[in-house]
Protein backbone atom coordinates (compact mmCIF):
# COMPACT_ATOMS: atom_id res chain seq x y z
CA UNK A 1 0.00 0.00 0.00
CA UNK A 2 2.94 2.32 0.46
CA UNK A 3 4.99 1.57 -2.66
CA UNK A 4 4.14 4.80 -4.43
CA UNK A 5 0.39 4.39 -4.34
CA UNK A 6 0.20 2.90 -7.83
CA UNK A 7 -3.43 1.80 -8.36
CA UNK A 8 -2.53 -0.18 -11.48
CA UNK A 9 -0.36 -2.46 -9.32
CA UNK A 10 -2.63 -2.63 -6.29
CA UNK A 11 -5.89 -2.83 -8.22
CA UNK A 12 -5.50 -6.60 -8.20
CA UNK A 13 -5.99 -6.56 -4.41
CA UNK A 14 -9.33 -4.72 -4.54
CA UNK A 15 -12.79 -6.18 -4.94
CA UNK A 16 -14.98 -4.74 -7.70
CA UNK A 17 -16.99 -3.04 -4.93
CA UNK A 18 -13.89 -1.23 -3.70
CA UNK A 19 -12.72 -0.30 -7.22
CA UNK A 20 -16.09 1.32 -7.93
CA UNK A 21 -16.00 3.14 -4.60
CA UNK A 22 -12.47 4.49 -5.19
CA UNK A 23 -12.33 5.05 -8.92
CA UNK A 24 -15.96 5.09 -10.07
CA UNK A 25 -15.48 2.01 -12.26
CA UNK A 26 -14.71 -1.69 -11.70
CA UNK A 27 -11.85 -1.62 -14.25
CA UNK A 28 -8.85 0.69 -14.09
CA UNK A 29 -8.45 2.80 -17.23
CA UNK A 30 -5.03 4.25 -18.10
CA UNK A 31 -6.68 7.47 -19.35
CA UNK A 32 -7.45 8.35 -15.75
CA UNK A 33 -4.18 7.16 -14.22
CA UNK A 34 -3.28 10.49 -12.56
CA UNK A 35 -6.74 10.81 -10.98
CA UNK A 36 -6.58 7.20 -9.83
CA UNK A 37 -3.20 7.76 -8.18
CA UNK A 38 -4.60 10.72 -6.24
CA UNK A 39 -7.72 8.79 -5.23
CA UNK A 40 -5.59 5.82 -4.15
CA UNK A 41 -3.17 7.90 -2.08
CA UNK A 42 -5.95 9.92 -0.42
CA UNK A 43 -7.72 6.70 0.55
CA UNK A 44 -4.82 4.50 1.61
CA UNK A 45 -1.88 6.85 2.08
CA UNK A 46 -0.88 9.70 4.33
CA UNK A 47 -2.26 13.23 4.23
CA UNK A 48 1.29 14.57 4.57
CA UNK A 49 2.33 16.93 1.77
CA UNK A 50 5.74 15.20 1.73
CA UNK A 51 5.17 11.53 2.58
CA UNK A 52 8.28 9.57 3.49
CA UNK A 53 7.44 6.00 2.47
CA UNK A 54 10.25 4.45 4.54
CA UNK A 55 9.06 6.24 7.70
CA UNK A 56 5.41 5.38 7.02
CA UNK A 57 6.30 1.72 6.42
CA UNK A 58 8.40 1.57 9.61
CA UNK A 59 5.52 3.01 11.65
CA UNK A 60 2.71 1.10 9.94
CA UNK A 61 0.55 -0.89 12.36
CA UNK A 62 -2.43 -3.09 11.50
CA UNK A 63 -4.67 -4.89 13.97
CA UNK A 64 -8.16 -6.48 13.93
CA UNK A 65 -11.02 -4.13 14.77
CA UNK A 66 -14.33 -5.95 14.32
CA UNK A 67 -15.74 -8.59 11.95
CA UNK A 68 -13.68 -8.33 8.73
CA UNK A 69 -12.43 -4.81 9.51
CA UNK A 70 -8.84 -3.92 10.41
CA UNK A 71 -7.53 -0.69 11.90
CA UNK A 72 -4.49 0.72 10.10
CA UNK A 73 -2.22 3.32 11.69
CA UNK A 74 0.15 5.50 9.67
CA UNK A 75 2.58 7.81 11.48
CA UNK A 76 5.05 10.38 10.21
CA UNK A 77 6.54 13.55 11.71
CA UNK A 78 4.46 13.27 14.87
CA UNK A 79 1.17 13.00 12.95
CA UNK A 80 -0.83 9.78 13.21
CA UNK A 81 -3.70 8.82 10.94
CA UNK A 82 -6.07 5.88 11.23
CA UNK A 83 -7.97 4.05 8.52
CA UNK A 84 -10.45 1.18 8.74
CA UNK A 85 -10.01 -1.42 6.00
CA UNK A 86 -12.46 -4.25 5.33
CA UNK A 87 -10.77 -7.41 4.05
CA UNK A 88 -12.56 -10.36 2.46
CA UNK A 89 -11.28 -13.78 1.45
CA UNK A 90 -12.30 -14.51 -2.15
CA UNK A 91 -11.09 -17.22 -4.52
CA UNK A 92 -8.04 -18.01 -2.38
CA UNK A 93 -6.94 -14.38 -1.92
CA UNK A 94 -7.41 -11.65 0.64
CA UNK A 95 -8.88 -8.55 -1.01
CA UNK A 96 -9.72 -5.06 0.23
CA UNK A 97 -13.48 -4.55 0.00
CA UNK A 98 -14.01 -1.19 1.71
CA UNK A 99 -12.17 1.65 3.44
CA UNK A 100 -13.34 4.21 6.00
PDB file of N, CA and C in Angstrom:
ATOM      1  N   UNK A   1       0.813  -1.194   0.000  1.00  0.00           N
ATOM      2  CA  UNK A   1       0.000   0.000   0.000  1.00  0.00           C
ATOM      3  C   UNK A   1       0.857   1.259   0.000  1.00  0.00           C
ATOM      4  N   UNK A   2       2.109   1.133   0.351  1.00  0.00           N
ATOM      5  CA  UNK A   2       2.943   2.324   0.462  1.00  0.00           C
ATOM      6  C   UNK A   2       3.970   2.440  -0.654  1.00  0.00           C
ATOM      7  N   UNK A   3       3.968   1.548  -1.606  1.00  0.00           N
ATOM      8  CA  UNK A   3       4.992   1.569  -2.656  1.00  0.00           C
ATOM      9  C   UNK A   3       4.624   2.531  -3.776  1.00  0.00           C
ATOM     10  N   UNK A   4       4.415   3.795  -3.423  1.00  0.00           N
ATOM     11  CA  UNK A   4       4.141   4.804  -4.425  1.00  0.00           C
ATOM     12  C   UNK A   4       2.671   5.000  -4.722  1.00  0.00           C
ATOM     13  N   UNK A   5       1.811   4.213  -4.116  1.00  0.00           N
ATOM     14  CA  UNK A   5       0.388   4.390  -4.337  1.00  0.00           C
ATOM     15  C   UNK A   5      -0.021   4.179  -5.783  1.00  0.00           C
ATOM     16  N   UNK A   6       0.503   3.163  -6.432  1.00  0.00           N
ATOM     17  CA  UNK A   6       0.199   2.902  -7.826  1.00  0.00           C
ATOM     18  C   UNK A   6      -1.048   2.021  -7.927  1.00  0.00           C
ATOM     19  N   UNK A   7      -2.197   2.593  -8.315  1.00  0.00           N
ATOM     20  CA  UNK A   7      -3.429   1.800  -8.360  1.00  0.00           C
ATOM     21  C   UNK A   7      -3.412   0.718  -9.418  1.00  0.00           C
ATOM     22  N   UNK A   8      -2.582   0.863 -10.464  1.00  0.00           N
ATOM     23  CA  UNK A   8      -2.529  -0.175 -11.480  1.00  0.00           C
ATOM     24  C   UNK A   8      -1.882  -1.439 -10.921  1.00  0.00           C
ATOM     25  N   UNK A   9      -0.964  -1.289  -9.966  1.00  0.00           N
ATOM     26  CA  UNK A   9      -0.362  -2.459  -9.321  1.00  0.00           C
ATOM     27  C   UNK A   9      -1.291  -3.033  -8.267  1.00  0.00           C
ATOM     28  N   UNK A  10      -1.831  -2.164  -7.414  1.00  0.00           N
ATOM     29  CA  UNK A  10      -2.626  -2.626  -6.286  1.00  0.00           C
ATOM     30  C   UNK A  10      -4.071  -2.928  -6.623  1.00  0.00           C
ATOM     31  N   UNK A  11      -4.522  -2.554  -7.815  1.00  0.00           N
ATOM     32  CA  UNK A  11      -5.889  -2.833  -8.219  1.00  0.00           C
ATOM     33  C   UNK A  11      -6.243  -4.302  -8.124  1.00  0.00           C
ATOM     34  N   UNK A  12      -5.255  -5.162  -8.281  1.00  0.00           N
ATOM     35  CA  UNK A  12      -5.498  -6.604  -8.197  1.00  0.00           C
ATOM     36  C   UNK A  12      -5.885  -7.055  -6.788  1.00  0.00           C
ATOM     37  N   UNK A  13      -5.661  -6.211  -5.789  1.00  0.00           N
ATOM     38  CA  UNK A  13      -5.986  -6.555  -4.409  1.00  0.00           C
ATOM     39  C   UNK A  13      -7.288  -5.925  -3.936  1.00  0.00           C
ATOM     40  N   UNK A  14      -8.054  -5.348  -4.868  1.00  0.00           N
ATOM     41  CA  UNK A  14      -9.325  -4.721  -4.538  1.00  0.00           C
ATOM     42  C   UNK A  14     -10.479  -5.532  -5.112  1.00  0.00           C
ATOM     43  N   UNK A  15     -11.579  -5.587  -4.379  1.00  0.00           N
ATOM     44  CA  UNK A  15     -12.793  -6.183  -4.941  1.00  0.00           C
ATOM     45  C   UNK A  15     -13.385  -5.183  -5.933  1.00  0.00           C
ATOM     46  N   UNK A  16     -14.297  -5.657  -6.779  1.00  0.00           N
ATOM     47  CA  UNK A  16     -14.978  -4.745  -7.697  1.00  0.00           C
ATOM     48  C   UNK A  16     -15.712  -3.657  -6.921  1.00  0.00           C
ATOM     49  N   UNK A  17     -16.290  -4.011  -5.779  1.00  0.00           N
ATOM     50  CA  UNK A  17     -16.987  -3.045  -4.934  1.00  0.00           C
ATOM     51  C   UNK A  17     -16.048  -1.913  -4.527  1.00  0.00           C
ATOM     52  N   UNK A  18     -14.847  -2.239  -4.131  1.00  0.00           N
ATOM     53  CA  UNK A  18     -13.888  -1.234  -3.699  1.00  0.00           C
ATOM     54  C   UNK A  18     -13.387  -0.407  -4.883  1.00  0.00           C
ATOM     55  N   UNK A  19     -13.157  -1.043  -6.033  1.00  0.00           N
ATOM     56  CA  UNK A  19     -12.716  -0.297  -7.224  1.00  0.00           C
ATOM     57  C   UNK A  19     -13.747   0.755  -7.622  1.00  0.00           C
ATOM     58  N   UNK A  20     -15.029   0.374  -7.586  1.00  0.00           N
ATOM     59  CA  UNK A  20     -16.092   1.318  -7.932  1.00  0.00           C
ATOM     60  C   UNK A  20     -16.116   2.452  -6.925  1.00  0.00           C
ATOM     61  N   UNK A  21     -15.982   2.125  -5.655  1.00  0.00           N
ATOM     62  CA  UNK A  21     -15.997   3.142  -4.602  1.00  0.00           C
ATOM     63  C   UNK A  21     -14.846   4.137  -4.757  1.00  0.00           C
ATOM     64  N   UNK A  22     -13.650   3.632  -5.073  1.00  0.00           N
ATOM     65  CA  UNK A  22     -12.473   4.489  -5.188  1.00  0.00           C
ATOM     66  C   UNK A  22     -12.379   5.228  -6.515  1.00  0.00           C
ATOM     67  N   UNK A  23     -12.631   4.510  -7.599  1.00  0.00           N
ATOM     68  CA  UNK A  23     -12.335   5.049  -8.924  1.00  0.00           C
ATOM     69  C   UNK A  23     -13.567   5.299  -9.782  1.00  0.00           C
ATOM     70  N   UNK A  24     -14.740   4.890  -9.300  1.00  0.00           N
ATOM     71  CA  UNK A  24     -15.961   5.093 -10.065  1.00  0.00           C
ATOM     72  C   UNK A  24     -16.198   4.057 -11.145  1.00  0.00           C
ATOM     73  N   UNK A  25     -15.325   3.059 -11.251  1.00  0.00           N
ATOM     74  CA  UNK A  25     -15.475   2.009 -12.261  1.00  0.00           C
ATOM     75  C   UNK A  25     -14.796   0.739 -11.761  1.00  0.00           C
ATOM     76  N   UNK A  26     -15.328  -0.433 -12.154  1.00  0.00           N
ATOM     77  CA  UNK A  26     -14.711  -1.686 -11.696  1.00  0.00           C
ATOM     78  C   UNK A  26     -13.395  -2.022 -12.394  1.00  0.00           C
ATOM     79  N   UNK A  27     -13.088  -1.344 -13.506  1.00  0.00           N
ATOM     80  CA  UNK A  27     -11.854  -1.622 -14.247  1.00  0.00           C
ATOM     81  C   UNK A  27     -11.022  -0.346 -14.295  1.00  0.00           C
ATOM     82  N   UNK A  28      -9.737  -0.470 -14.015  1.00  0.00           N
ATOM     83  CA  UNK A  28      -8.848   0.690 -14.089  1.00  0.00           C
ATOM     84  C   UNK A  28      -8.592   1.046 -15.548  1.00  0.00           C
ATOM     85  N   UNK A  29      -8.633   2.311 -15.865  1.00  0.00           N
ATOM     86  CA  UNK A  29      -8.452   2.803 -17.227  1.00  0.00           C
ATOM     87  C   UNK A  29      -7.245   3.740 -17.240  1.00  0.00           C
ATOM     88  N   UNK A  30      -6.264   3.455 -18.092  1.00  0.00           N
ATOM     89  CA  UNK A  30      -5.031   4.247 -18.096  1.00  0.00           C
ATOM     90  C   UNK A  30      -5.274   5.715 -18.430  1.00  0.00           C
ATOM     91  N   UNK A  31      -6.389   6.053 -19.048  1.00  0.00           N
ATOM     92  CA  UNK A  31      -6.676   7.467 -19.355  1.00  0.00           C
ATOM     93  C   UNK A  31      -6.838   8.286 -18.084  1.00  0.00           C
ATOM     94  N   UNK A  32      -7.206   7.639 -17.007  1.00  0.00           N
ATOM     95  CA  UNK A  32      -7.451   8.345 -15.752  1.00  0.00           C
ATOM     96  C   UNK A  32      -6.405   8.014 -14.695  1.00  0.00           C
ATOM     97  N   UNK A  33      -5.224   7.616 -15.138  1.00  0.00           N
ATOM     98  CA  UNK A  33      -4.180   7.158 -14.218  1.00  0.00           C
ATOM     99  C   UNK A  33      -3.823   8.200 -13.158  1.00  0.00           C
ATOM    100  N   UNK A  34      -3.661   9.458 -13.530  1.00  0.00           N
ATOM    101  CA  UNK A  34      -3.283  10.492 -12.558  1.00  0.00           C
ATOM    102  C   UNK A  34      -4.378  10.664 -11.503  1.00  0.00           C
ATOM    103  N   UNK A  35      -5.625  10.682 -11.925  1.00  0.00           N
ATOM    104  CA  UNK A  35      -6.736  10.812 -10.981  1.00  0.00           C
ATOM    105  C   UNK A  35      -6.793   9.598 -10.064  1.00  0.00           C
ATOM    106  N   UNK A  36      -6.555   8.425 -10.627  1.00  0.00           N
ATOM    107  CA  UNK A  36      -6.579   7.201  -9.834  1.00  0.00           C
ATOM    108  C   UNK A  36      -5.476   7.198  -8.785  1.00  0.00           C
ATOM    109  N   UNK A  37      -4.295   7.694  -9.143  1.00  0.00           N
ATOM    110  CA  UNK A  37      -3.196   7.756  -8.175  1.00  0.00           C
ATOM    111  C   UNK A  37      -3.573   8.666  -7.003  1.00  0.00           C
ATOM    112  N   UNK A  38      -4.177   9.796  -7.295  1.00  0.00           N
ATOM    113  CA  UNK A  38      -4.595  10.722  -6.242  1.00  0.00           C
ATOM    114  C   UNK A  38      -5.654  10.065  -5.366  1.00  0.00           C
ATOM    115  N   UNK A  39      -6.659   9.443  -5.985  1.00  0.00           N
ATOM    116  CA  UNK A  39      -7.722   8.786  -5.225  1.00  0.00           C
ATOM    117  C   UNK A  39      -7.154   7.673  -4.352  1.00  0.00           C
ATOM    118  N   UNK A  40      -6.215   6.908  -4.909  1.00  0.00           N
ATOM    119  CA  UNK A  40      -5.593   5.816  -4.148  1.00  0.00           C
ATOM    120  C   UNK A  40      -4.849   6.375  -2.936  1.00  0.00           C
ATOM    121  N   UNK A  41      -4.001   7.364  -3.164  1.00  0.00           N
ATOM    122  CA  UNK A  41      -3.170   7.898  -2.083  1.00  0.00           C
ATOM    123  C   UNK A  41      -4.022   8.560  -1.007  1.00  0.00           C
ATOM    124  N   UNK A  42      -5.071   9.287  -1.405  1.00  0.00           N
ATOM    125  CA  UNK A  42      -5.945   9.923  -0.422  1.00  0.00           C
ATOM    126  C   UNK A  42      -6.673   8.886   0.423  1.00  0.00           C
ATOM    127  N   UNK A  43      -7.000   7.744  -0.165  1.00  0.00           N
ATOM    128  CA  UNK A  43      -7.723   6.703   0.555  1.00  0.00           C
ATOM    129  C   UNK A  43      -6.801   5.876   1.437  1.00  0.00           C
ATOM    130  N   UNK A  44      -5.680   5.440   0.904  1.00  0.00           N
ATOM    131  CA  UNK A  44      -4.817   4.501   1.615  1.00  0.00           C
ATOM    132  C   UNK A  44      -3.544   5.117   2.168  1.00  0.00           C
ATOM    133  N   UNK A  45      -3.166   6.282   1.690  1.00  0.00           N
ATOM    134  CA  UNK A  45      -1.884   6.846   2.085  1.00  0.00           C
ATOM    135  C   UNK A  45      -1.991   7.850   3.210  1.00  0.00           C
ATOM    136  N   UNK A  46      -0.994   8.675   3.294  1.00  0.00           N
ATOM    137  CA  UNK A  46      -0.879   9.696   4.329  1.00  0.00           C
ATOM    138  C   UNK A  46      -1.335  11.037   3.777  1.00  0.00           C
ATOM    139  N   UNK A  47      -1.861  11.895   4.636  1.00  0.00           N
ATOM    140  CA  UNK A  47      -2.264  13.227   4.229  1.00  0.00           C
ATOM    141  C   UNK A  47      -1.080  14.197   4.188  1.00  0.00           C
ATOM    142  N   UNK A  48       0.095  13.730   4.569  1.00  0.00           N
ATOM    143  CA  UNK A  48       1.288  14.571   4.567  1.00  0.00           C
ATOM    144  C   UNK A  48       1.585  15.078   3.159  1.00  0.00           C
ATOM    145  N   UNK A  49       1.972  16.351   3.064  1.00  0.00           N
ATOM    146  CA  UNK A  49       2.332  16.931   1.770  1.00  0.00           C
ATOM    147  C   UNK A  49       3.620  16.318   1.228  1.00  0.00           C
ATOM    148  N   UNK A  50       4.475  15.819   2.129  1.00  0.00           N
ATOM    149  CA  UNK A  50       5.736  15.199   1.728  1.00  0.00           C
ATOM    150  C   UNK A  50       5.874  13.838   2.400  1.00  0.00           C
ATOM    151  N   UNK A  51       5.100  12.838   1.927  1.00  0.00           N
ATOM    152  CA  UNK A  51       5.166  11.530   2.584  1.00  0.00           C
ATOM    153  C   UNK A  51       6.532  10.884   2.419  1.00  0.00           C
ATOM    154  N   UNK A  52       7.028  10.314   3.495  1.00  0.00           N
ATOM    155  CA  UNK A  52       8.281   9.566   3.488  1.00  0.00           C
ATOM    156  C   UNK A  52       7.896   8.098   3.619  1.00  0.00           C
ATOM    157  N   UNK A  53       7.928   7.377   2.495  1.00  0.00           N
ATOM    158  CA  UNK A  53       7.440   6.002   2.474  1.00  0.00           C
ATOM    159  C   UNK A  53       8.187   5.094   3.437  1.00  0.00           C
ATOM    160  N   UNK A  54       9.489   5.307   3.630  1.00  0.00           N
ATOM    161  CA  UNK A  54      10.246   4.447   4.543  1.00  0.00           C
ATOM    162  C   UNK A  54       9.804   4.681   5.989  1.00  0.00           C
ATOM    163  N   UNK A  55       9.533   5.933   6.346  1.00  0.00           N
ATOM    164  CA  UNK A  55       9.056   6.237   7.702  1.00  0.00           C
ATOM    165  C   UNK A  55       7.652   5.687   7.900  1.00  0.00           C
ATOM    166  N   UNK A  56       6.772   5.898   6.915  1.00  0.00           N
ATOM    167  CA  UNK A  56       5.408   5.375   7.021  1.00  0.00           C
ATOM    168  C   UNK A  56       5.418   3.855   7.154  1.00  0.00           C
ATOM    169  N   UNK A  57       6.229   3.179   6.351  1.00  0.00           N
ATOM    170  CA  UNK A  57       6.298   1.716   6.417  1.00  0.00           C
ATOM    171  C   UNK A  57       6.827   1.252   7.771  1.00  0.00           C
ATOM    172  N   UNK A  58       7.831   1.950   8.306  1.00  0.00           N
ATOM    173  CA  UNK A  58       8.401   1.569   9.605  1.00  0.00           C
ATOM    174  C   UNK A  58       7.399   1.754  10.736  1.00  0.00           C
ATOM    175  N   UNK A  59       6.498   2.719  10.592  1.00  0.00           N
ATOM    176  CA  UNK A  59       5.523   3.009  11.647  1.00  0.00           C
ATOM    177  C   UNK A  59       4.146   2.408  11.390  1.00  0.00           C
ATOM    178  N   UNK A  60       3.989   1.701  10.294  1.00  0.00           N
ATOM    179  CA  UNK A  60       2.706   1.100   9.942  1.00  0.00           C
ATOM    180  C   UNK A  60       2.316   0.039  10.972  1.00  0.00           C
ATOM    181  N   UNK A  61       1.089   0.120  11.445  1.00  0.00           N
ATOM    182  CA  UNK A  61       0.549  -0.894  12.360  1.00  0.00           C
ATOM    183  C   UNK A  61      -0.834  -1.280  11.881  1.00  0.00           C
ATOM    184  N   UNK A  62      -1.124  -2.580  11.902  1.00  0.00           N
ATOM    185  CA  UNK A  62      -2.430  -3.093  11.502  1.00  0.00           C
ATOM    186  C   UNK A  62      -2.887  -4.075  12.564  1.00  0.00           C
ATOM    187  N   UNK A  63      -4.138  -3.944  13.004  1.00  0.00           N
ATOM    188  CA  UNK A  63      -4.669  -4.892  13.967  1.00  0.00           C
ATOM    189  C   UNK A  63      -6.162  -5.065  13.732  1.00  0.00           C
ATOM    190  N   UNK A  64      -6.724  -6.229  14.124  1.00  0.00           N
ATOM    191  CA  UNK A  64      -8.157  -6.485  13.931  1.00  0.00           C
ATOM    192  C   UNK A  64      -8.996  -5.476  14.704  1.00  0.00           C
ATOM    193  N   UNK A  65     -10.101  -5.054  14.110  1.00  0.00           N
ATOM    194  CA  UNK A  65     -11.016  -4.131  14.773  1.00  0.00           C
ATOM    195  C   UNK A  65     -12.321  -4.855  15.109  1.00  0.00           C
ATOM    196  N   UNK A  66     -13.101  -5.192  14.112  1.00  0.00           N
ATOM    197  CA  UNK A  66     -14.335  -5.955  14.318  1.00  0.00           C
ATOM    198  C   UNK A  66     -14.704  -6.653  13.003  1.00  0.00           C
ATOM    199  N   UNK A  67     -15.348  -7.792  13.119  1.00  0.00           N
ATOM    200  CA  UNK A  67     -15.742  -8.592  11.954  1.00  0.00           C
ATOM    201  C   UNK A  67     -14.564  -8.706  10.980  1.00  0.00           C
ATOM    202  N   UNK A  68     -14.742  -8.260   9.748  1.00  0.00           N
ATOM    203  CA  UNK A  68     -13.682  -8.331   8.729  1.00  0.00           C
ATOM    204  C   UNK A  68     -12.929  -7.016   8.592  1.00  0.00           C
ATOM    205  N   UNK A  69     -13.064  -6.128   9.561  1.00  0.00           N
ATOM    206  CA  UNK A  69     -12.429  -4.812   9.511  1.00  0.00           C
ATOM    207  C   UNK A  69     -11.126  -4.804  10.303  1.00  0.00           C
ATOM    208  N   UNK A  70     -10.135  -4.070   9.759  1.00  0.00           N
ATOM    209  CA  UNK A  70      -8.837  -3.920  10.409  1.00  0.00           C
ATOM    210  C   UNK A  70      -8.526  -2.435  10.545  1.00  0.00           C
ATOM    211  N   UNK A  71      -7.943  -2.077  11.655  1.00  0.00           N
ATOM    212  CA  UNK A  71      -7.528  -0.694  11.896  1.00  0.00           C
ATOM    213  C   UNK A  71      -6.081  -0.569  11.434  1.00  0.00           C
ATOM    214  N   UNK A  72      -5.820   0.461  10.637  1.00  0.00           N
ATOM    215  CA  UNK A  72      -4.486   0.715  10.096  1.00  0.00           C
ATOM    216  C   UNK A  72      -4.016   2.063  10.629  1.00  0.00           C
ATOM    217  N   UNK A  73      -2.804   2.074  11.170  1.00  0.00           N
ATOM    218  CA  UNK A  73      -2.220   3.316  11.689  1.00  0.00           C
ATOM    219  C   UNK A  73      -1.011   3.689  10.852  1.00  0.00           C
ATOM    220  N   UNK A  74      -0.995   4.944  10.384  1.00  0.00           N
ATOM    221  CA  UNK A  74       0.147   5.503   9.669  1.00  0.00           C
ATOM    222  C   UNK A  74       0.676   6.674  10.483  1.00  0.00           C
ATOM    223  N   UNK A  75       1.981   6.712  10.712  1.00  0.00           N
ATOM    224  CA  UNK A  75       2.584   7.808  11.479  1.00  0.00           C
ATOM    225  C   UNK A  75       3.799   8.362  10.766  1.00  0.00           C
ATOM    226  N   UNK A  76       3.885   9.702  10.773  1.00  0.00           N
ATOM    227  CA  UNK A  76       5.047  10.381  10.214  1.00  0.00           C
ATOM    228  C   UNK A  76       5.113  11.768  10.814  1.00  0.00           C
ATOM    229  N   UNK A  77       6.309  12.186  11.208  1.00  0.00           N
ATOM    230  CA  UNK A  77       6.544  13.547  11.710  1.00  0.00           C
ATOM    231  C   UNK A  77       5.587  13.929  12.839  1.00  0.00           C
ATOM    232  N   UNK A  78       5.309  12.986  13.721  1.00  0.00           N
ATOM    233  CA  UNK A  78       4.457  13.268  14.873  1.00  0.00           C
ATOM    234  C   UNK A  78       2.969  13.301  14.568  1.00  0.00           C
ATOM    235  N   UNK A  79       2.588  13.026  13.332  1.00  0.00           N
ATOM    236  CA  UNK A  79       1.175  13.002  12.948  1.00  0.00           C
ATOM    237  C   UNK A  79       0.769  11.551  12.725  1.00  0.00           C
ATOM    238  N   UNK A  80      -0.334  11.142  13.350  1.00  0.00           N
ATOM    239  CA  UNK A  80      -0.825   9.782  13.214  1.00  0.00           C
ATOM    240  C   UNK A  80      -2.210   9.812  12.598  1.00  0.00           C
ATOM    241  N   UNK A  81      -2.410   8.951  11.614  1.00  0.00           N
ATOM    242  CA  UNK A  81      -3.699   8.818  10.942  1.00  0.00           C
ATOM    243  C   UNK A  81      -4.160   7.378  11.066  1.00  0.00           C
ATOM    244  N   UNK A  82      -5.476   7.214  11.144  1.00  0.00           N
ATOM    245  CA  UNK A  82      -6.065   5.881  11.230  1.00  0.00           C
ATOM    246  C   UNK A  82      -7.023   5.668  10.070  1.00  0.00           C
ATOM    247  N   UNK A  83      -7.037   4.470   9.556  1.00  0.00           N
ATOM    248  CA  UNK A  83      -7.972   4.048   8.518  1.00  0.00           C
ATOM    249  C   UNK A  83      -8.597   2.741   8.982  1.00  0.00           C
ATOM    250  N   UNK A  84      -9.823   2.484   8.553  1.00  0.00           N
ATOM    251  CA  UNK A  84     -10.446   1.179   8.736  1.00  0.00           C
ATOM    252  C   UNK A  84     -10.520   0.529   7.363  1.00  0.00           C
ATOM    253  N   UNK A  85     -10.044  -0.701   7.262  1.00  0.00           N
ATOM    254  CA  UNK A  85     -10.014  -1.418   6.001  1.00  0.00           C
ATOM    255  C   UNK A  85     -10.754  -2.734   6.186  1.00  0.00           C
ATOM    256  N   UNK A  86     -11.726  -2.980   5.292  1.00  0.00           N
ATOM    257  CA  UNK A  86     -12.459  -4.246   5.332  1.00  0.00           C
ATOM    258  C   UNK A  86     -11.781  -5.212   4.361  1.00  0.00           C
ATOM    259  N   UNK A  87     -11.458  -6.397   4.847  1.00  0.00           N
ATOM    260  CA  UNK A  87     -10.772  -7.409   4.049  1.00  0.00           C
ATOM    261  C   UNK A  87     -11.681  -8.620   3.919  1.00  0.00           C
ATOM    262  N   UNK A  88     -11.777  -9.146   2.699  1.00  0.00           N
ATOM    263  CA  UNK A  88     -12.562 -10.355   2.460  1.00  0.00           C
ATOM    264  C   UNK A  88     -11.668 -11.403   1.808  1.00  0.00           C
ATOM    265  N   UNK A  89     -12.006 -12.666   2.047  1.00  0.00           N
ATOM    266  CA  UNK A  89     -11.275 -13.783   1.445  1.00  0.00           C
ATOM    267  C   UNK A  89     -12.108 -14.289   0.272  1.00  0.00           C
ATOM    268  N   UNK A  90     -11.570 -14.144  -0.944  1.00  0.00           N
ATOM    269  CA  UNK A  90     -12.303 -14.509  -2.150  1.00  0.00           C
ATOM    270  C   UNK A  90     -11.391 -15.275  -3.095  1.00  0.00           C
ATOM    271  N   UNK A  91     -11.842 -16.419  -3.540  1.00  0.00           N
ATOM    272  CA  UNK A  91     -11.092 -17.222  -4.524  1.00  0.00           C
ATOM    273  C   UNK A  91      -9.633 -17.432  -4.127  1.00  0.00           C
ATOM    274  N   UNK A  92      -9.390 -17.712  -2.858  1.00  0.00           N
ATOM    275  CA  UNK A  92      -8.039 -18.006  -2.385  1.00  0.00           C
ATOM    276  C   UNK A  92      -7.155 -16.810  -2.113  1.00  0.00           C
ATOM    277  N   UNK A  93      -7.724 -15.595  -2.160  1.00  0.00           N
ATOM    278  CA  UNK A  93      -6.940 -14.378  -1.918  1.00  0.00           C
ATOM    279  C   UNK A  93      -7.656 -13.458  -0.953  1.00  0.00           C
ATOM    280  N   UNK A  94      -6.858 -12.693  -0.200  1.00  0.00           N
ATOM    281  CA  UNK A  94      -7.411 -11.647   0.643  1.00  0.00           C
ATOM    282  C   UNK A  94      -7.488 -10.368  -0.180  1.00  0.00           C
ATOM    283  N   UNK A  95      -8.665  -9.749  -0.227  1.00  0.00           N
ATOM    284  CA  UNK A  95      -8.879  -8.549  -1.010  1.00  0.00           C
ATOM    285  C   UNK A  95      -9.466  -7.447  -0.135  1.00  0.00           C
ATOM    286  N   UNK A  96      -9.158  -6.211  -0.486  1.00  0.00           N
ATOM    287  CA  UNK A  96      -9.722  -5.063   0.225  1.00  0.00           C
ATOM    288  C   UNK A  96     -11.088  -4.773  -0.386  1.00  0.00           C
ATOM    289  N   UNK A  97     -12.107  -4.746   0.477  1.00  0.00           N
ATOM    290  CA  UNK A  97     -13.475  -4.553   0.004  1.00  0.00           C
ATOM    291  C   UNK A  97     -14.028  -3.162   0.318  1.00  0.00           C
ATOM    292  N   UNK A  98     -13.494  -2.508   1.334  1.00  0.00           N
ATOM    293  CA  UNK A  98     -14.006  -1.193   1.714  1.00  0.00           C
ATOM    294  C   UNK A  98     -12.982  -0.482   2.583  1.00  0.00           C
ATOM    295  N   UNK A  99     -13.084   0.835   2.640  1.00  0.00           N
ATOM    296  CA  UNK A  99     -12.169   1.647   3.442  1.00  0.00           C
ATOM    297  C   UNK A  99     -12.964   2.781   4.062  1.00  0.00           C
ATOM    298  N   UNK A 100     -12.714   3.048   5.322  1.00  0.00           N
ATOM    299  CA  UNK A 100     -13.337   4.206   6.000  1.00  0.00           C
ATOM    300  C   UNK A 100     -12.263   5.033   6.651  1.00  0.00           C
TER     301      UNK A 100
END
